[in-house]
Amino acid sequence: YVEPDFTMIAVQQPSTFDAAYVLKLREGVNWLFASPELSKLETQPGLDNLFLQLPGSRGAFIDETIEEQNIRVATYEQPAGALLYGWFRDRLIIATSRDALNESLRLICFNTGSC
């Protein structure tokens, strides 16, 4: 569903780095067809390995809306800890904080000119 390469964005925080992974949808693929496969992400055993420093135990994923797009979010024990993912136009963003997700969106808008 997505191209084999991806972009990783690191956002420096006072005590750690947060990461966002940006994957581009393959040409001619509709994100709606990829969404059922993407929902399997939530049950992957190594999901917490996306964090450089684990922010505690993860809660359940819930639905939220950012930039008029539906996303899935799981929060952690530490207040800033969150795992977020969702489709933004033809890109899938998986982020380890809201700051990392917002920075990814800012860079996509800057680089593509479409927001």
Protein backbone atom coordinates (compact mmCIF):
# COMPACT_ATOMS: atom_id res chain seq x y z
CA TYR A 1 0.00 0.00 0.00
CA VAL A 2 2.86 2.41 0.73
CA GLU A 3 6.15 3.14 -0.99
CA PRO A 4 9.12 1.18 0.43
CA ASP A 5 11.00 4.26 1.65
CA PHE A 6 9.84 6.66 4.35
CA THR A 7 10.84 9.85 6.12
CA MET A 8 11.64 10.00 9.82
CA ILE A 9 11.33 13.31 11.63
CA ALA A 10 12.91 13.83 15.06
CA VAL A 11 11.62 16.55 17.36
CA GLN A 12 13.85 17.45 20.29
CA GLN A 13 12.15 17.71 23.66
CA PRO A 14 13.82 18.74 26.94
CA SER A 15 14.69 15.17 27.98
CA THR A 16 14.29 13.05 24.83
CA PHE A 17 13.49 13.02 21.14
CA ASP A 18 10.05 12.31 19.72
CA ALA A 19 9.76 10.71 16.31
CA ALA A 20 7.35 10.73 13.43
CA TYR A 21 7.42 8.35 10.50
CA VAL A 22 5.92 9.54 7.23
CA LEU A 23 5.03 6.96 4.58
CA LYS A 24 3.71 7.88 1.14
CA LEU A 25 0.85 5.96 -0.41
CA ARG A 26 1.75 4.19 -3.65
CA GLU A 27 0.49 5.80 -6.83
CA GLY A 28 -3.03 4.65 -7.69
CA VAL A 29 -3.77 3.17 -4.24
CA ASN A 30 -6.73 4.52 -2.28
CA TRP A 31 -6.03 4.95 1.45
CA LEU A 32 -9.46 3.49 2.22
CA PHE A 33 -8.24 0.10 1.02
CA ALA A 34 -5.15 0.32 3.22
CA SER A 35 -7.03 1.32 6.38
CA PRO A 36 -8.16 -2.21 7.43
CA GLU A 37 -4.53 -3.37 7.29
CA LEU A 38 -3.40 -0.30 9.18
CA SER A 39 -5.76 -1.03 12.08
CA LYS A 40 -3.65 -4.15 12.77
CA LEU A 41 -0.88 -1.78 13.85
CA GLU A 42 -2.58 -1.32 17.23
CA THR A 43 -2.02 -4.95 18.23
CA GLN A 44 1.61 -5.27 17.13
CA PRO A 45 3.80 -6.41 20.05
CA GLY A 46 6.76 -4.16 19.15
CA LEU A 47 4.74 -0.97 18.78
CA ASP A 48 6.21 0.63 21.90
CA ASN A 49 9.69 0.24 20.36
CA LEU A 50 8.93 3.34 18.27
CA PHE A 51 9.78 5.36 21.39
CA LEU A 52 13.38 6.13 22.28
CA GLN A 53 12.28 6.34 25.89
CA LEU A 54 9.01 4.57 26.76
CA PRO A 55 6.60 6.96 28.54
CA GLY A 56 5.02 4.26 30.73
CA SER A 57 2.10 1.94 30.07
CA ARG A 58 -0.07 2.51 27.01
CA GLY A 59 -3.81 3.03 27.20
CA ALA A 60 -6.35 1.99 24.58
CA PHE A 61 -6.50 3.65 21.18
CA ILE A 62 -9.28 6.19 20.70
CA ASP A 63 -10.54 8.24 17.76
CA GLU A 64 -9.64 11.93 17.47
CA THR A 65 -9.63 14.56 14.76
CA ILE A 66 -6.66 16.72 13.76
CA GLU A 67 -6.66 19.05 10.76
CA GLU A 68 -10.10 17.67 9.84
CA GLN A 69 -8.64 14.15 9.56
CA ASN A 70 -9.59 11.18 11.69
CA ILE A 71 -6.66 9.73 13.60
CA ARG A 72 -6.13 7.08 16.26
CA VAL A 73 -4.40 8.01 19.52
CA ALA A 74 -3.15 6.01 22.49
CA THR A 75 -1.94 7.91 25.54
CA TYR A 76 0.67 6.80 28.04
CA GLU A 77 1.25 7.30 31.75
CA GLN A 78 3.50 10.31 31.26
CA PRO A 79 1.43 13.35 30.24
CA ALA A 80 3.30 14.07 26.99
CA GLY A 81 3.36 10.43 25.93
CA ALA A 82 1.13 9.52 23.00
CA LEU A 83 1.17 7.33 19.93
CA LEU A 84 -0.78 8.77 17.03
CA TYR A 85 -1.39 7.61 13.49
CA GLY A 86 -3.55 8.61 10.58
CA TRP A 87 -3.79 9.41 6.90
CA PHE A 88 -3.12 12.98 5.78
CA ARG A 89 -3.88 13.15 2.07
CA ASP A 90 -1.57 10.55 0.50
CA ARG A 91 0.67 10.14 3.55
CA LEU A 92 0.46 7.96 6.62
CA ILE A 93 1.99 9.56 9.71
CA ILE A 94 2.86 7.53 12.79
CA ALA A 95 4.12 9.79 15.60
CA THR A 96 5.29 9.36 19.18
CA SER A 97 3.93 12.74 20.30
CA ARG A 98 1.51 15.44 19.26
CA ASP A 99 4.48 17.76 18.69
CA ALA A 100 6.05 15.25 16.28
CA LEU A 101 2.75 14.87 14.41
CA ASN A 102 2.31 18.64 14.14
CA GLU A 103 5.89 19.11 12.93
CA SER A 104 5.32 16.41 10.29
CA LEU A 105 2.21 18.17 9.06
CA ARG A 106 4.05 21.50 8.95
CA LEU A 107 6.88 20.00 6.88
CA ILE A 108 4.50 18.21 4.51
CA CYS A 109 2.65 21.46 3.89
CA PHE A 110 5.91 23.33 3.36
CA ASN A 111 7.43 20.73 1.02
CA THR A 112 4.35 19.87 -1.04
CA GLY A 113 2.53 23.19 -0.98
CA SER A 114 -0.74 21.36 -0.29
CA CYS A 115 -2.33 21.37 3.12
